[in-house]
């Protein structure tokens, strides 16, 4: 069984007013930035409170989905039991701003599923984030079968993978691409979640490549699941 499109669990969307408050000043800031420079993220106290509230609201929605929704892997697979998702505490150090740096020639690549099946994908562009004084690149993917699909996905491993978090890796749903090339995206690794294969053997899920590794511990988002 295929793992659902990354982001299917994420039904709670960011407040557009908050995103606009970040995007406008950051777009102005970026005019003088180099192509590979990370954008700063400095929320006000009021915005920080709003972001944490949204993180907690999203987690409550995810819990409800897993418990009751017919599409939940715990509803579909009667051999497993839902005991609650484990999350790291919300941490705004793992929130970032970045424009989408589109590759001049997006590359067709093959991502493999956990059951070994090839999954043609389009390495479309990347975000640049800064954590504790160092910059990192996060590749952004689209489905190769439909490059016009506006949905943007990232998946990654990090220094917690296989220990505190799922060994295969985690996903973050970015949402739909904005047509404005200067648009600044809000990347919140507090939303990082496990693919369904972390819960049930019925599913196969995309395996992040070695290039999708973040060389620092992302102690944000979903932790290992165990009954």
C-alpha atoms as a PDB file:
ATOM      1  CA  UNK A   1       0.000   0.000   0.000  1.00  0.00           C
ATOM      2  CA  UNK A   2       1.315   3.433  -0.904  1.00  0.00           C
ATOM      3  CA  UNK A   3       2.101   5.947   1.747  1.00  0.00           C
ATOM      4  CA  UNK A   4      -0.213   8.961   1.335  1.00  0.00           C
ATOM      5  CA  UNK A   5       1.146  12.140  -0.167  1.00  0.00           C
ATOM      6  CA  UNK A   6       3.290  13.923   2.422  1.00  0.00           C
ATOM      7  CA  UNK A   7       1.151  16.406   4.290  1.00  0.00           C
ATOM      8  CA  UNK A   8      -2.141  14.500   4.178  1.00  0.00           C
ATOM      9  CA  UNK A   9      -2.319  14.517   7.977  1.00  0.00           C
ATOM     10  CA  UNK A  10      -1.594  18.212   8.157  1.00  0.00           C
ATOM     11  CA  UNK A  11      -5.071  19.736   8.030  1.00  0.00           C
ATOM     12  CA  UNK A  12      -4.281  22.751  10.169  1.00  0.00           C
ATOM     13  CA  UNK A  13      -2.918  25.613   8.067  1.00  0.00           C
ATOM     14  CA  UNK A  14      -0.763  28.510   9.159  1.00  0.00           C
ATOM     15  CA  UNK A  15      -2.513  31.801   9.757  1.00  0.00           C
ATOM     16  CA  UNK A  16      -1.973  33.805   6.531  1.00  0.00           C
ATOM     17  CA  UNK A  17      -1.848  37.065   8.475  1.00  0.00           C
ATOM     18  CA  UNK A  18       1.150  35.785  10.459  1.00  0.00           C
ATOM     19  CA  UNK A  19       2.865  34.507   7.318  1.00  0.00           C
ATOM     20  CA  UNK A  20       2.318  37.819   5.555  1.00  0.00           C
ATOM     21  CA  UNK A  21       3.816  39.659   8.518  1.00  0.00           C
ATOM     22  CA  UNK A  22       7.002  37.632   8.047  1.00  0.00           C
ATOM     23  CA  UNK A  23       7.012  37.630   4.243  1.00  0.00           C
ATOM     24  CA  UNK A  24       6.778  41.372   3.594  1.00  0.00           C
ATOM     25  CA  UNK A  25       9.805  42.529   5.616  1.00  0.00           C
ATOM     26  CA  UNK A  26      11.803  39.467   4.623  1.00  0.00           C
ATOM     27  CA  UNK A  27      11.154  40.045   0.917  1.00  0.00           C
ATOM     28  CA  UNK A  28      12.518  43.560   1.289  1.00  0.00           C
ATOM     29  CA  UNK A  29      15.521  42.251   3.209  1.00  0.00           C
ATOM     30  CA  UNK A  30      16.328  39.700   0.513  1.00  0.00           C
ATOM     31  CA  UNK A  31      16.846  42.266  -2.233  1.00  0.00           C
ATOM     32  CA  UNK A  32      20.510  42.620  -1.272  1.00  0.00           C
ATOM     33  CA  UNK A  33      21.115  38.998  -0.304  1.00  0.00           C
ATOM     34  CA  UNK A  34      23.280  36.538  -2.166  1.00  0.00           C
ATOM     35  CA  UNK A  35      21.698  33.468  -3.731  1.00  0.00           C
ATOM     36  CA  UNK A  36      22.885  31.172  -0.963  1.00  0.00           C
ATOM     37  CA  UNK A  37      22.309  33.369   2.076  1.00  0.00           C
ATOM     38  CA  UNK A  38      19.887  32.211   4.773  1.00  0.00           C
ATOM     39  CA  UNK A  39      17.142  34.565   5.909  1.00  0.00           C
ATOM     40  CA  UNK A  40      16.846  35.624   9.518  1.00  0.00           C
ATOM     41  CA  UNK A  41      13.797  34.679  11.570  1.00  0.00           C
ATOM     42  CA  UNK A  42      13.007  37.093  14.400  1.00  0.00           C
ATOM     43  CA  UNK A  43       9.360  36.796  15.468  1.00  0.00           C
ATOM     44  CA  UNK A  44       7.830  39.236  17.901  1.00  0.00           C
ATOM     45  CA  UNK A  45       6.668  37.874  21.278  1.00  0.00           C
ATOM     46  CA  UNK A  46       3.083  38.045  20.037  1.00  0.00           C
ATOM     47  CA  UNK A  47       3.919  36.104  16.877  1.00  0.00           C
ATOM     48  CA  UNK A  48       5.854  33.531  18.901  1.00  0.00           C
ATOM     49  CA  UNK A  49       2.809  32.881  21.058  1.00  0.00           C
ATOM     50  CA  UNK A  50       0.631  32.518  17.960  1.00  0.00           C
ATOM     51  CA  UNK A  51       3.039  30.071  16.347  1.00  0.00           C
ATOM     52  CA  UNK A  52       3.204  27.884  19.461  1.00  0.00           C
ATOM     53  CA  UNK A  53      -0.604  27.886  19.691  1.00  0.00           C
ATOM     54  CA  UNK A  54      -0.822  26.777  16.067  1.00  0.00           C
ATOM     55  CA  UNK A  55       1.727  24.008  16.637  1.00  0.00           C
ATOM     56  CA  UNK A  56      -0.313  22.693  19.573  1.00  0.00           C
ATOM     57  CA  UNK A  57      -3.580  23.009  17.640  1.00  0.00           C
ATOM     58  CA  UNK A  58      -2.094  21.075  14.725  1.00  0.00           C
ATOM     59  CA  UNK A  59      -0.979  18.310  17.088  1.00  0.00           C
ATOM     60  CA  UNK A  60      -4.463  18.079  18.581  1.00  0.00           C
ATOM     61  CA  UNK A  61      -5.897  17.779  15.060  1.00  0.00           C
ATOM     62  CA  UNK A  62      -3.355  15.088  14.191  1.00  0.00           C
ATOM     63  CA  UNK A  63      -4.297  13.130  17.309  1.00  0.00           C
ATOM     64  CA  UNK A  64      -7.973  13.292  16.372  1.00  0.00           C
ATOM     65  CA  UNK A  65      -7.166  12.171  12.827  1.00  0.00           C
ATOM     66  CA  UNK A  66      -5.171   9.152  13.962  1.00  0.00           C
ATOM     67  CA  UNK A  67      -7.845   8.078  16.439  1.00  0.00           C
ATOM     68  CA  UNK A  68     -10.976   8.389  14.310  1.00  0.00           C
ATOM     69  CA  UNK A  69     -10.435   9.178  10.632  1.00  0.00           C
ATOM     70  CA  UNK A  70     -11.122   6.323   8.159  1.00  0.00           C
ATOM     71  CA  UNK A  71      -7.854   7.222   6.376  1.00  0.00           C
ATOM     72  CA  UNK A  72      -5.819   6.810   9.567  1.00  0.00           C
ATOM     73  CA  UNK A  73      -3.323   3.938   9.406  1.00  0.00           C
ATOM     74  CA  UNK A  74      -4.471   2.911  12.874  1.00  0.00           C
ATOM     75  CA  UNK A  75      -8.043   2.579  11.605  1.00  0.00           C
ATOM     76  CA  UNK A  76      -7.050   0.795   8.409  1.00  0.00           C
ATOM     77  CA  UNK A  77      -4.618  -1.618  10.042  1.00  0.00           C
ATOM     78  CA  UNK A  78      -6.366  -3.517  12.815  1.00  0.00           C
ATOM     79  CA  UNK A  79      -3.104  -5.220  13.792  1.00  0.00           C
ATOM     80  CA  UNK A  80      -1.742  -2.026  15.349  1.00  0.00           C
ATOM     81  CA  UNK A  81      -2.937   0.032  18.285  1.00  0.00           C
ATOM     82  CA  UNK A  82      -2.861   3.792  18.643  1.00  0.00           C
ATOM     83  CA  UNK A  83      -1.283   4.984  21.877  1.00  0.00           C
ATOM     84  CA  UNK A  84      -0.645   8.622  20.983  1.00  0.00           C
ATOM     85  CA  UNK A  85       1.995  10.483  19.000  1.00  0.00           C
ATOM     86  CA  UNK A  86       5.107  11.617  20.847  1.00  0.00           C
ATOM     87  CA  UNK A  87       6.324  15.127  20.034  1.00  0.00           C
ATOM     88  CA  UNK A  88       9.276  17.238  21.023  1.00  0.00           C
ATOM     89  CA  UNK A  89       8.190  20.395  22.876  1.00  0.00           C
ATOM     90  CA  UNK A  90       7.594  23.351  20.512  1.00  0.00           C
ATOM     91  CA  UNK A  91      10.885  25.134  19.881  1.00  0.00           C
ATOM     92  CA  UNK A  92      11.070  28.269  17.735  1.00  0.00           C
ATOM     93  CA  UNK A  93      14.781  27.690  17.074  1.00  0.00           C
ATOM     94  CA  UNK A  94      13.542  25.247  14.449  1.00  0.00           C
ATOM     95  CA  UNK A  95      11.465  27.837  12.582  1.00  0.00           C
ATOM     96  CA  UNK A  96      13.059  29.356   9.492  1.00  0.00           C
ATOM     97  CA  UNK A  97      12.400  31.777   6.663  1.00  0.00           C
ATOM     98  CA  UNK A  98      13.696  31.197   3.153  1.00  0.00           C
ATOM     99  CA  UNK A  99      12.776  31.970  -0.425  1.00  0.00           C
ATOM    100  CA  UNK A 100      12.531  28.974  -2.732  1.00  0.00           C
ATOM    101  CA  UNK A 101      15.717  28.843  -4.793  1.00  0.00           C
ATOM    102  CA  UNK A 102      14.490  27.059  -7.908  1.00  0.00           C
ATOM    103  CA  UNK A 103      17.029  25.041  -9.843  1.00  0.00           C
ATOM    104  CA  UNK A 104      17.571  26.360 -13.365  1.00  0.00           C
ATOM    105  CA  UNK A 105      17.132  22.805 -14.567  1.00  0.00           C
ATOM    106  CA  UNK A 106      15.157  20.770 -12.019  1.00  0.00           C
ATOM    107  CA  UNK A 107      16.582  17.265 -11.965  1.00  0.00           C
ATOM    108  CA  UNK A 108      14.612  14.080 -12.415  1.00  0.00           C
ATOM    109  CA  UNK A 109      15.698  11.749  -9.642  1.00  0.00           C
ATOM    110  CA  UNK A 110      14.603   8.412  -8.245  1.00  0.00           C
ATOM    111  CA  UNK A 111      13.601   8.164  -4.606  1.00  0.00           C
ATOM    112  CA  UNK A 112      13.093   4.653  -3.293  1.00  0.00           C
ATOM    113  CA  UNK A 113      10.353   3.464  -0.995  1.00  0.00           C
ATOM    114  CA  UNK A 114      10.933   1.407   2.115  1.00  0.00           C
ATOM    115  CA  UNK A 115       9.806  -1.682   0.180  1.00  0.00           C
ATOM    116  CA  UNK A 116      12.353  -1.014  -2.550  1.00  0.00           C
ATOM    117  CA  UNK A 117      10.075   0.426  -5.214  1.00  0.00           C
ATOM    118  CA  UNK A 118      11.397   3.344  -7.312  1.00  0.00           C
ATOM    119  CA  UNK A 119       9.576   6.656  -7.061  1.00  0.00           C
ATOM    120  CA  UNK A 120      10.441   9.162  -9.792  1.00  0.00           C
ATOM    121  CA  UNK A 121      10.648  12.625  -8.273  1.00  0.00           C
ATOM    122  CA  UNK A 122      11.631  16.111  -9.337  1.00  0.00           C
ATOM    123  CA  UNK A 123      14.340  17.862  -7.297  1.00  0.00           C
ATOM    124  CA  UNK A 124      12.797  21.254  -7.872  1.00  0.00           C
ATOM    125  CA  UNK A 125      14.751  23.691  -5.708  1.00  0.00           C
ATOM    126  CA  UNK A 126      15.971  24.253  -2.193  1.00  0.00           C
ATOM    127  CA  UNK A 127      15.630  26.315   0.957  1.00  0.00           C
ATOM    128  CA  UNK A 128      18.577  27.705   2.904  1.00  0.00           C
ATOM    129  CA  UNK A 129      18.261  27.677   6.686  1.00  0.00           C
ATOM    130  CA  UNK A 130      20.626  28.754   9.450  1.00  0.00           C
ATOM    131  CA  UNK A 131      20.941  26.880  12.735  1.00  0.00           C
ATOM    132  CA  UNK A 132      23.405  27.852  15.460  1.00  0.00           C
ATOM    133  CA  UNK A 133      25.499  29.917  13.084  1.00  0.00           C
ATOM    134  CA  UNK A 134      25.767  27.388  10.236  1.00  0.00           C
ATOM    135  CA  UNK A 135      23.833  27.276   6.993  1.00  0.00           C
ATOM    136  CA  UNK A 136      22.157  24.182   5.583  1.00  0.00           C
ATOM    137  CA  UNK A 137      20.349  23.391   2.365  1.00  0.00           C
ATOM    138  CA  UNK A 138      17.006  21.575   2.257  1.00  0.00           C
ATOM    139  CA  UNK A 139      16.062  20.186  -1.148  1.00  0.00           C
ATOM    140  CA  UNK A 140      12.451  20.668  -2.212  1.00  0.00           C
ATOM    141  CA  UNK A 141      10.668  17.989  -4.243  1.00  0.00           C
ATOM    142  CA  UNK A 142       7.710  17.684  -6.571  1.00  0.00           C
ATOM    143  CA  UNK A 143       6.204  14.547  -8.114  1.00  0.00           C
ATOM    144  CA  UNK A 144       7.938  13.844 -11.437  1.00  0.00           C
ATOM    145  CA  UNK A 145       4.744  12.559 -13.039  1.00  0.00           C
ATOM    146  CA  UNK A 146       3.130  15.982 -12.712  1.00  0.00           C
ATOM    147  CA  UNK A 147       5.615  18.892 -12.472  1.00  0.00           C
ATOM    148  CA  UNK A 148       2.651  21.297 -12.638  1.00  0.00           C
ATOM    149  CA  UNK A 149       1.532  20.041  -9.225  1.00  0.00           C
ATOM    150  CA  UNK A 150       2.122  23.050  -6.930  1.00  0.00           C
ATOM    151  CA  UNK A 151       2.683  20.948  -3.807  1.00  0.00           C
ATOM    152  CA  UNK A 152       6.170  21.255  -2.288  1.00  0.00           C
ATOM    153  CA  UNK A 153       7.663  18.591  -0.048  1.00  0.00           C
ATOM    154  CA  UNK A 154      10.820  18.187   1.960  1.00  0.00           C
ATOM    155  CA  UNK A 155      12.007  15.074   3.723  1.00  0.00           C
ATOM    156  CA  UNK A 156      15.139  14.641   5.725  1.00  0.00           C
ATOM    157  CA  UNK A 157      17.205  12.710   8.211  1.00  0.00           C
ATOM    158  CA  UNK A 158      19.265  14.326  10.963  1.00  0.00           C
ATOM    159  CA  UNK A 159      21.434  13.424  13.931  1.00  0.00           C
ATOM    160  CA  UNK A 160      18.413  12.145  15.894  1.00  0.00           C
ATOM    161  CA  UNK A 161      17.368   9.676  13.160  1.00  0.00           C
ATOM    162  CA  UNK A 162      17.443   6.097  14.391  1.00  0.00           C
ATOM    163  CA  UNK A 163      17.645   7.218  18.006  1.00  0.00           C
ATOM    164  CA  UNK A 164      15.082   9.761  19.155  1.00  0.00           C
ATOM    165  CA  UNK A 165      13.273   9.873  15.817  1.00  0.00           C
ATOM    166  CA  UNK A 166      12.202   7.445  13.105  1.00  0.00           C
ATOM    167  CA  UNK A 167      15.243   5.910  11.425  1.00  0.00           C
ATOM    168  CA  UNK A 168      13.915   6.285   7.857  1.00  0.00           C
ATOM    169  CA  UNK A 169      13.445  10.027   8.216  1.00  0.00           C
ATOM    170  CA  UNK A 170      10.693  12.603   8.568  1.00  0.00           C
ATOM    171  CA  UNK A 171       8.627  14.820   6.283  1.00  0.00           C
ATOM    172  CA  UNK A 172       7.513  18.449   6.343  1.00  0.00           C
ATOM    173  CA  UNK A 173       4.622  19.703   4.256  1.00  0.00           C
ATOM    174  CA  UNK A 174       5.446  23.125   2.788  1.00  0.00           C
ATOM    175  CA  UNK A 175       2.153  23.557   0.962  1.00  0.00           C
ATOM    176  CA  UNK A 176       1.666  24.971  -2.511  1.00  0.00           C
ATOM    177  CA  UNK A 177       4.284  26.915  -4.399  1.00  0.00           C
ATOM    178  CA  UNK A 178       3.804  30.681  -4.515  1.00  0.00           C
ATOM    179  CA  UNK A 179       4.229  32.065  -8.056  1.00  0.00           C
ATOM    180  CA  UNK A 180       6.119  35.114  -6.741  1.00  0.00           C
ATOM    181  CA  UNK A 181       9.842  34.268  -6.993  1.00  0.00           C
ATOM    182  CA  UNK A 182      10.550  36.677  -4.108  1.00  0.00           C
ATOM    183  CA  UNK A 183       8.056  35.029  -1.769  1.00  0.00           C
ATOM    184  CA  UNK A 184       9.553  34.004   1.574  1.00  0.00           C
ATOM    185  CA  UNK A 185       8.376  30.644   2.906  1.00  0.00           C
ATOM    186  CA  UNK A 186       7.961  29.757   6.564  1.00  0.00           C
ATOM    187  CA  UNK A 187       9.617  26.400   7.277  1.00  0.00           C
ATOM    188  CA  UNK A 188       8.671  24.973  10.657  1.00  0.00           C
ATOM    189  CA  UNK A 189      10.455  21.765  11.614  1.00  0.00           C
ATOM    190  CA  UNK A 190       8.125  21.531  14.605  1.00  0.00           C
ATOM    191  CA  UNK A 191       5.742  20.110  11.991  1.00  0.00           C
ATOM    192  CA  UNK A 192       8.130  17.303  10.996  1.00  0.00           C
ATOM    193  CA  UNK A 193       6.162  14.068  11.027  1.00  0.00           C
ATOM    194  CA  UNK A 194       6.662  10.362  10.492  1.00  0.00           C
ATOM    195  CA  UNK A 195       5.433   8.641   7.314  1.00  0.00           C
ATOM    196  CA  UNK A 196       2.864   5.921   7.825  1.00  0.00           C
ATOM    197  CA  UNK A 197       5.424   3.134   7.523  1.00  0.00           C
ATOM    198  CA  UNK A 198       6.590   4.198  10.990  1.00  0.00           C
ATOM    199  CA  UNK A 199       3.327   2.771  12.343  1.00  0.00           C
ATOM    200  CA  UNK A 200       2.213  -0.013   9.999  1.00  0.00           C
ATOM    201  CA  UNK A 201       3.851  -2.616   7.748  1.00  0.00           C
ATOM    202  CA  UNK A 202       1.042  -2.069   5.236  1.00  0.00           C
ATOM    203  CA  UNK A 203       2.681   1.115   4.016  1.00  0.00           C
ATOM    204  CA  UNK A 204       5.752   2.025   2.045  1.00  0.00           C
ATOM    205  CA  UNK A 205       7.235   5.509   2.237  1.00  0.00           C
ATOM    206  CA  UNK A 206       9.853   7.601   0.490  1.00  0.00           C
ATOM    207  CA  UNK A 207      13.366   7.258   1.897  1.00  0.00           C
ATOM    208  CA  UNK A 208      15.347  10.521   2.078  1.00  0.00           C
ATOM    209  CA  UNK A 209      18.622  10.403   0.172  1.00  0.00           C
ATOM    210  CA  UNK A 210      22.015  10.997   1.753  1.00  0.00           C
ATOM    211  CA  UNK A 211      21.875  14.535   0.337  1.00  0.00           C
ATOM    212  CA  UNK A 212      18.752  15.187   2.418  1.00  0.00           C
ATOM    213  CA  UNK A 213      20.623  14.807   5.701  1.00  0.00           C
ATOM    214  CA  UNK A 214      20.829  17.712   8.158  1.00  0.00           C
ATOM    215  CA  UNK A 215      24.061  17.485  10.120  1.00  0.00           C
ATOM    216  CA  UNK A 216      22.583  18.640  13.417  1.00  0.00           C
ATOM    217  CA  UNK A 217      19.984  17.201  15.806  1.00  0.00           C
ATOM    218  CA  UNK A 218      16.463  18.316  14.894  1.00  0.00           C
ATOM    219  CA  UNK A 219      14.777  17.928  18.261  1.00  0.00           C
ATOM    220  CA  UNK A 220      11.515  19.243  16.933  1.00  0.00           C
ATOM    221  CA  UNK A 221       8.411  17.609  15.529  1.00  0.00           C
ATOM    222  CA  UNK A 222       7.464  13.951  15.862  1.00  0.00           C
ATOM    223  CA  UNK A 223       9.562  11.464  17.824  1.00  0.00           C
ATOM    224  CA  UNK A 224       9.794   7.681  17.499  1.00  0.00           C
ATOM    225  CA  UNK A 225       6.447   5.925  17.797  1.00  0.00           C
ATOM    226  CA  UNK A 226       6.064   2.839  19.928  1.00  0.00           C
ATOM    227  CA  UNK A 227       3.056   1.128  21.409  1.00  0.00           C
END
